[in-house]
Amino acid sequence: MLRKKDPGNTQRMEQAVGKAVSYELTLADMARRSERRAWKVATASLLMSLALAGGYYYMLPLKEKVPFLVMADAYTGTATVARLTGNFRDQSITANESINRSNVAQYVLARESYDFQVMGLRDWRLVFLMSDKPVGLTQEARYAKNNPQNPIVLYGKEKAVRVKILSITPLGAQPDGGFRGASVRIQRSLLDKRTGVTTYLDNQIVTMRFEYRGNLGLTEDERVLNPLGFWVTEYRVDSDYARGVPVPDDSALQAQAEQAAAQALTDARVSDPDAATVVDPATGESFIPSGQSAPGVQVPPQPLLPGQEAALPNQISTGTADGASNR
């Protein structure tokens, strides 16, 4: 009953068992490989999602709708673009830009203003401390004795030219926020020192180029006026033919108010002489203001102005209508 084992069957069984074990190992190895592959894909997807989220966050301000206000001057035609922001007070400006604007404004005001009494104190010296030689020669030619447009000849000592800077537009902007040129729009007005009345002169456009030179041989007093070596290399003034509306000062407004009041009083006297009678609040008596005649008193004829036509006889009231007195 006991037979000897067949060596061939044992070998086949071992091979079958080996194949089964190898199959299980292969499945386990495939599962581990699949798990590692899944983790790699998940990690890559997570990194890609983070990158996309960062890109959207970085590009989100570019999609913001920012309104711009374009204002056009009805008289000069100059267009100004302003960005509407919620904070108008704390707007950022670089130090270079602010210094450039300050130097440009000081130079233009010193050069274009005129006041015989005070220009020798600072303005005349400041212009030549900040000007290249050709630019300074044009200033000397402007005030030459043989120049009929010399401000001293035109305005003398009793009048002064006041300059108001309307805008400063940078030219030749640089990456650090500075600029090496500027276009300045100014408005000039003439002040009569005797009466204090200011009248509008004109609008001008100043175009200039400048640079900073640290090797200028300036004294200590000159360095106080020009500490950074501001140096104007080109300067040109053009008339702004699109004339704008002048901005009067307080003295001009006061003079206009007085003229309007005088004109209103004159019109009231012409239309109704009795209405021009003024009652003194202290005494209660009525009186005629200066320059007005009482009723029934003949008014002397006024002298004719140049270019004014004399009234015809039929235009002068005689106090009669159709031959009958109307008094």
Protein backbone atom coordinates (compact mmCIF):
# COMPACT_ATOMS: atom_id res chain seq x y z
CA MET A 1 0.00 0.00 0.00
CA LEU A 2 2.88 2.27 0.55
CA ARG A 3 4.29 3.37 -2.68
CA LYS A 4 7.39 5.35 -3.27
CA LYS A 5 6.75 8.94 -4.17
CA ASP A 6 7.20 9.87 -7.72
CA PRO A 7 10.01 12.42 -7.96
CA GLY A 8 8.36 13.93 -11.01
CA ASN A 9 5.12 14.77 -9.19
CA THR A 10 6.98 16.40 -6.31
CA GLN A 11 8.90 18.62 -8.65
CA ARG A 12 5.73 19.69 -10.43
CA MET A 13 4.07 20.51 -7.13
CA GLU A 14 6.99 22.65 -6.06
CA GLN A 15 6.84 24.48 -9.33
CA ALA A 16 3.11 25.07 -8.93
CA VAL A 17 3.58 26.33 -5.38
CA GLY A 18 6.42 28.56 -6.52
CA LYS A 19 4.28 30.04 -9.27
CA ALA A 20 1.48 30.73 -6.79
CA VAL A 21 3.84 32.47 -4.40
CA SER A 22 5.38 34.46 -7.24
CA TYR A 23 1.90 35.54 -8.40
CA GLU A 24 1.04 36.80 -4.92
CA LEU A 25 4.32 38.66 -4.71
CA THR A 26 3.66 40.19 -8.12
CA LEU A 27 0.21 41.40 -7.06
CA ALA A 28 1.57 42.91 -3.86
CA ASP A 29 4.39 44.59 -5.78
CA MET A 30 1.92 45.98 -8.34
CA ALA A 31 -0.26 47.32 -5.53
CA ARG A 32 2.71 49.07 -3.93
CA ARG A 33 3.76 50.52 -7.29
CA SER A 34 0.23 51.73 -7.95
CA GLU A 35 0.09 53.35 -4.54
CA ARG A 36 3.37 55.17 -5.12
CA ARG A 37 2.15 56.29 -8.54
CA ALA A 38 -1.09 57.57 -7.02
CA TRP A 39 0.78 59.59 -4.41
CA LYS A 40 2.99 61.10 -7.08
CA VAL A 41 -0.03 62.12 -9.16
CA ALA A 42 -1.77 63.55 -6.10
CA THR A 43 1.33 65.53 -5.12
CA ALA A 44 1.72 66.89 -8.65
CA SER A 45 -1.96 67.85 -8.76
CA LEU A 46 -1.67 69.63 -5.42
CA LEU A 47 1.39 71.58 -6.57
CA MET A 48 -0.33 72.52 -9.81
CA SER A 49 -3.41 73.69 -7.92
CA LEU A 50 -1.28 75.83 -5.63
CA ALA A 51 0.53 77.30 -8.63
CA LEU A 52 -2.75 78.15 -10.36
CA ALA A 53 -4.14 79.70 -7.19
CA GLY A 54 -1.01 81.83 -6.82
CA GLY A 55 -1.23 82.90 -10.46
CA TYR A 56 -4.85 83.95 -10.07
CA TYR A 57 -4.02 85.85 -6.89
CA TYR A 58 -1.15 87.64 -8.64
CA MET A 59 -3.21 88.53 -11.72
CA LEU A 60 -6.36 89.48 -9.82
CA PRO A 61 -5.51 93.26 -9.64
CA LEU A 62 -5.17 93.32 -13.45
CA LYS A 63 -8.84 92.43 -13.74
CA GLU A 64 -9.88 95.29 -11.46
CA LYS A 65 -12.07 97.94 -13.06
CA VAL A 66 -10.46 101.32 -12.39
CA PRO A 67 -12.47 104.39 -13.48
CA PHE A 68 -10.63 107.34 -15.00
CA LEU A 69 -11.92 110.88 -15.16
CA VAL A 70 -10.95 112.83 -18.28
CA MET A 71 -11.44 116.58 -17.84
CA ALA A 72 -11.20 118.87 -20.88
CA ASP A 73 -10.81 122.61 -20.48
CA ALA A 74 -13.53 124.30 -22.51
CA TYR A 75 -11.29 127.30 -23.21
CA THR A 76 -7.81 125.85 -23.73
CA GLY A 77 -8.77 122.36 -24.91
CA THR A 78 -6.23 120.79 -22.56
CA ALA A 79 -7.24 117.29 -21.42
CA THR A 80 -6.34 116.05 -17.96
CA VAL A 81 -6.67 112.40 -16.95
CA ALA A 82 -7.22 111.64 -13.27
CA ARG A 83 -7.52 108.21 -11.68
CA LEU A 84 -10.40 107.96 -9.26
CA THR A 85 -9.16 106.52 -5.99
CA GLY A 86 -10.66 106.35 -2.56
CA ASN A 87 -7.79 108.17 -0.89
CA PHE A 88 -6.73 111.50 -2.36
CA ARG A 89 -4.61 112.64 0.58
CA ASP A 90 -2.11 109.80 1.04
CA GLN A 91 -1.02 109.43 -2.58
CA SER A 92 2.53 108.19 -3.00
CA ILE A 93 5.20 110.26 -4.73
CA THR A 94 8.88 109.47 -5.02
CA ALA A 95 11.53 111.70 -3.50
CA ASN A 96 13.15 112.29 -6.89
CA GLU A 97 9.90 113.47 -8.43
CA SER A 98 9.10 115.84 -5.56
CA ILE A 99 12.61 117.36 -5.64
CA ASN A 100 12.46 117.81 -9.41
CA ARG A 101 9.07 119.49 -9.23
CA SER A 102 10.27 121.84 -6.50
CA ASN A 103 13.37 122.89 -8.46
CA VAL A 104 11.40 123.37 -11.68
CA ALA A 105 8.79 125.50 -9.91
CA GLN A 106 11.43 127.66 -8.19
CA TYR A 107 13.29 128.27 -11.44
CA VAL A 108 10.19 129.16 -13.47
CA LEU A 109 8.85 131.50 -10.78
CA ALA A 110 12.20 133.25 -10.40
CA ARG A 111 12.67 133.68 -14.16
CA GLU A 112 9.18 134.65 -15.31
CA SER A 113 8.19 136.87 -12.38
CA TYR A 114 9.06 140.55 -12.35
CA ASP A 115 9.23 143.00 -9.49
CA PHE A 116 11.83 145.72 -9.77
CA GLN A 117 12.02 146.24 -6.01
CA VAL A 118 12.66 142.62 -4.95
CA MET A 119 13.97 140.73 -7.99
CA GLY A 120 17.54 141.66 -7.11
CA LEU A 121 17.29 140.05 -3.69
CA ARG A 122 16.99 136.45 -4.85
CA ASP A 123 15.33 135.80 -8.21
CA TRP A 124 18.00 137.29 -10.49
CA ARG A 125 20.80 135.45 -8.70
CA LEU A 126 18.91 132.17 -8.54
CA VAL A 127 18.27 132.12 -12.30
CA PHE A 128 21.99 132.34 -13.14
CA LEU A 129 22.95 129.83 -10.43
CA MET A 130 20.70 127.25 -12.13
CA SER A 131 21.27 128.13 -15.81
CA ASP A 132 23.74 126.92 -18.39
CA LYS A 133 25.63 129.68 -20.22
CA PRO A 134 23.37 129.81 -23.34
CA VAL A 135 20.27 129.81 -21.14
CA GLY A 136 21.69 132.61 -19.00
CA LEU A 137 22.53 134.68 -22.10
CA THR A 138 18.88 134.63 -23.16
CA GLN A 139 17.93 136.06 -19.76
CA GLU A 140 20.53 138.82 -20.15
CA ALA A 141 19.24 139.62 -23.65
CA ARG A 142 15.71 139.85 -22.29
CA TYR A 143 16.73 142.58 -19.83
CA ALA A 144 19.07 144.38 -22.24
CA LYS A 145 18.70 148.17 -22.45
CA ASN A 146 18.16 148.09 -26.23
CA ASN A 147 15.37 145.50 -25.98
CA PRO A 148 11.93 147.14 -26.37
CA GLN A 149 10.35 144.13 -24.64
CA ASN A 150 12.47 144.64 -21.54
CA PRO A 151 10.15 144.22 -18.52
CA ILE A 152 11.76 147.26 -16.91
CA VAL A 153 10.77 149.35 -19.93
CA LEU A 154 7.29 147.84 -20.17
CA TYR A 155 6.27 147.86 -16.51
CA GLY A 156 8.69 150.14 -14.68
CA LYS A 157 8.86 150.25 -10.90
CA GLU A 158 5.17 150.69 -10.13
CA LYS A 159 3.99 147.42 -11.68
CA ALA A 160 4.88 143.79 -11.06
CA VAL A 161 4.28 140.55 -12.93
CA ARG A 162 2.89 137.72 -10.82
CA VAL A 163 3.17 134.12 -12.06
CA LYS A 164 0.89 131.24 -11.12
CA ILE A 165 1.90 127.68 -12.03
CA LEU A 166 -1.07 125.79 -13.42
CA SER A 167 0.55 122.39 -14.06
CA ILE A 168 3.93 120.64 -14.28
CA THR A 169 4.10 117.74 -16.76
CA PRO A 170 7.25 115.56 -16.49
CA LEU A 171 9.20 114.79 -19.66
CA GLY A 172 11.81 112.07 -20.05
CA ALA A 173 10.67 109.91 -17.13
CA GLN A 174 13.25 107.60 -15.54
CA PRO A 175 12.84 104.23 -13.76
CA ASP A 176 13.63 105.73 -10.34
CA GLY A 177 10.62 108.05 -10.60
CA GLY A 178 12.57 111.14 -11.63
CA PHE A 179 12.55 113.04 -14.91
CA ARG A 180 14.94 115.25 -16.85
CA GLY A 181 12.51 117.60 -18.56
CA ALA A 182 9.25 119.37 -17.84
CA SER A 183 6.44 121.23 -19.56
CA VAL A 184 5.07 123.94 -17.28
CA ARG A 185 1.84 125.86 -17.93
CA ILE A 186 1.80 129.25 -16.22
CA GLN A 187 -0.58 132.19 -15.98
CA ARG A 188 0.75 135.74 -15.75
CA SER A 189 -1.04 138.69 -14.18
CA LEU A 190 -0.03 142.34 -13.86
CA LEU A 191 -0.19 143.99 -10.43
CA ASP A 192 -0.44 147.76 -10.14
CA LYS A 193 1.25 148.58 -6.83
CA ARG A 194 -0.34 152.03 -6.61
CA THR A 195 -3.94 150.81 -6.77
CA GLY A 196 -3.52 147.14 -5.86
CA VAL A 197 -5.52 146.07 -8.92
CA THR A 198 -4.47 142.88 -10.71
CA THR A 199 -5.19 142.38 -14.41
CA TYR A 200 -4.81 139.23 -16.46
CA LEU A 201 -1.90 139.18 -18.94
CA ASP A 202 -1.65 135.83 -20.71
CA ASN A 203 -0.99 132.10 -20.47
CA GLN A 204 2.37 130.63 -21.42
CA ILE A 205 3.92 127.19 -21.82
CA VAL A 206 7.49 126.70 -20.60
CA THR A 207 9.48 123.73 -21.92
CA MET A 208 12.79 122.97 -20.24
CA ARG A 209 15.46 120.29 -19.86
CA PHE A 210 17.72 120.01 -16.85
CA GLU A 211 20.27 117.83 -15.11
CA TYR A 212 22.15 117.69 -11.83
CA ARG A 213 25.83 118.54 -11.65
CA GLY A 214 27.80 117.94 -8.51
CA ASN A 215 31.00 119.59 -9.77
CA LEU A 216 29.69 123.17 -9.82
CA GLY A 217 32.04 125.61 -8.12
CA LEU A 218 29.48 127.16 -5.79
CA THR A 219 30.14 129.03 -2.60
CA GLU A 220 28.45 128.25 0.67
CA ASP A 221 25.84 130.96 0.14
CA GLU A 222 25.17 129.74 -3.40
CA ARG A 223 24.77 126.16 -2.18
CA VAL A 224 21.94 127.35 0.05
CA LEU A 225 20.04 128.45 -3.06
CA ASN A 226 21.04 125.45 -5.21
CA PRO A 227 22.09 122.60 -2.90
CA LEU A 228 21.81 119.74 -5.42
CA GLY A 229 23.38 121.43 -8.45
CA PHE A 230 20.16 121.84 -10.46
CA TRP A 231 21.29 122.89 -13.96
CA VAL A 232 18.97 124.01 -16.77
CA THR A 233 20.39 123.21 -20.21
CA GLU A 234 17.43 124.18 -22.44
CA TYR A 235 14.64 126.69 -21.88
CA ARG A 236 11.86 127.86 -24.18
CA VAL A 237 8.72 129.92 -23.64
CA ASP A 238 5.72 129.71 -25.99
CA SER A 239 2.45 131.58 -25.86
CA ASP A 240 -0.61 129.55 -25.02
CA TYR A 241 -2.83 130.78 -27.83
CA ALA A 242 -5.81 128.87 -26.45
CA ARG A 243 -6.37 131.58 -23.89
CA GLY A 244 -7.85 130.41 -20.62
CA VAL A 245 -10.09 132.12 -18.15
CA PRO A 246 -8.03 134.25 -15.74
CA VAL A 247 -8.24 133.52 -12.06
CA PRO A 248 -8.58 136.93 -10.31
CA ASP A 249 -7.20 137.52 -6.88
CA ASP A 250 -8.93 139.22 -3.95
CA SER A 251 -7.99 142.76 -5.01
CA ALA A 252 -9.39 142.21 -8.49
CA LEU A 253 -12.61 140.81 -7.06
CA GLN A 254 -12.94 143.80 -4.74
CA ALA A 255 -12.39 146.26 -7.61
CA GLN A 256 -14.99 144.46 -9.72
CA ALA A 257 -17.47 144.56 -6.84
CA GLU A 258 -16.96 148.31 -6.41
CA GLN A 259 -17.45 148.90 -10.13
CA ALA A 260 -20.62 146.80 -10.13
CA ALA A 261 -22.00 148.72 -7.14
CA ALA A 262 -21.25 152.07 -8.79
CA GLN A 263 -22.89 150.93 -12.03
CA ALA A 264 -25.98 149.73 -10.15
CA LEU A 265 -26.26 153.09 -8.37
CA THR A 266 -25.93 154.95 -11.67
CA ASP A 267 -28.66 152.83 -13.26
CA ALA A 268 -30.94 153.48 -10.29
CA ARG A 269 -30.40 157.23 -10.58
CA VAL A 270 -31.18 157.22 -14.29
CA SER A 271 -34.31 155.08 -14.00
CA ASP A 272 -35.78 156.72 -10.87
CA PRO A 273 -34.12 159.80 -9.37
CA ASP A 274 -36.34 159.69 -6.29
CA ALA A 275 -35.25 156.12 -5.55
CA ALA A 276 -31.65 157.31 -5.21
CA THR A 277 -32.57 159.47 -2.18
CA VAL A 278 -30.98 158.06 0.97
CA VAL A 279 -32.44 158.38 4.49
CA ASP A 280 -30.03 158.96 7.33
CA PRO A 281 -30.88 156.37 10.05
CA ALA A 282 -29.57 158.67 12.80
CA THR A 283 -31.55 161.85 11.99
CA GLY A 284 -34.34 160.43 9.84
CA GLU A 285 -33.72 163.11 7.20
CA SER A 286 -33.32 162.33 3.53
CA PHE A 287 -30.35 163.55 1.51
CA ILE A 288 -28.96 163.22 -2.01
CA PRO A 289 -25.72 161.20 -2.34
CA SER A 290 -22.70 162.96 -3.81
CA GLY A 291 -22.77 163.19 -7.57
CA GLN A 292 -26.63 163.34 -7.75
CA SER A 293 -28.73 166.48 -8.24
CA ALA A 294 -31.90 167.21 -6.36
CA PRO A 295 -35.25 167.07 -8.17
CA GLY A 296 -35.87 170.27 -10.15
CA VAL A 297 -32.17 171.19 -10.32
CA GLN A 298 -30.71 171.19 -13.79
CA VAL A 299 -27.90 168.69 -14.31
CA PRO A 300 -24.90 170.16 -16.14
CA PRO A 301 -24.03 168.42 -19.39
CA GLN A 302 -21.38 165.74 -19.12
CA PRO A 303 -18.30 165.94 -21.37
CA LEU A 304 -18.27 163.55 -24.29
CA LEU A 305 -15.85 160.63 -24.27
CA PRO A 306 -13.68 159.91 -27.33
CA GLY A 307 -15.78 158.12 -29.92
CA GLN A 308 -19.09 158.97 -28.20
CA GLU A 309 -21.81 160.57 -30.34
CA ALA A 310 -23.63 163.66 -29.13
CA ALA A 311 -27.37 163.40 -28.48
CA LEU A 312 -29.64 164.89 -31.13
CA PRO A 313 -32.03 167.71 -30.17
CA ASN A 314 -35.06 165.51 -30.61
CA GLN A 315 -33.52 163.00 -28.17
CA ILE A 316 -33.24 165.61 -25.38
CA SER A 317 -36.24 165.90 -23.05
CA THR A 318 -37.75 169.41 -23.05
CA GLY A 319 -40.42 168.76 -20.45
CA THR A 320 -43.31 169.14 -22.95
CA ALA A 321 -45.45 166.68 -24.85
CA ASP A 322 -47.40 167.83 -27.94
CA GLY A 323 -46.86 171.46 -26.99
CA ALA A 324 -48.26 171.04 -23.48
CA SER A 325 -46.16 171.04 -20.37
CA ASN A 326 -45.93 167.72 -18.59
CA ARG A 327 -44.52 169.09 -15.37
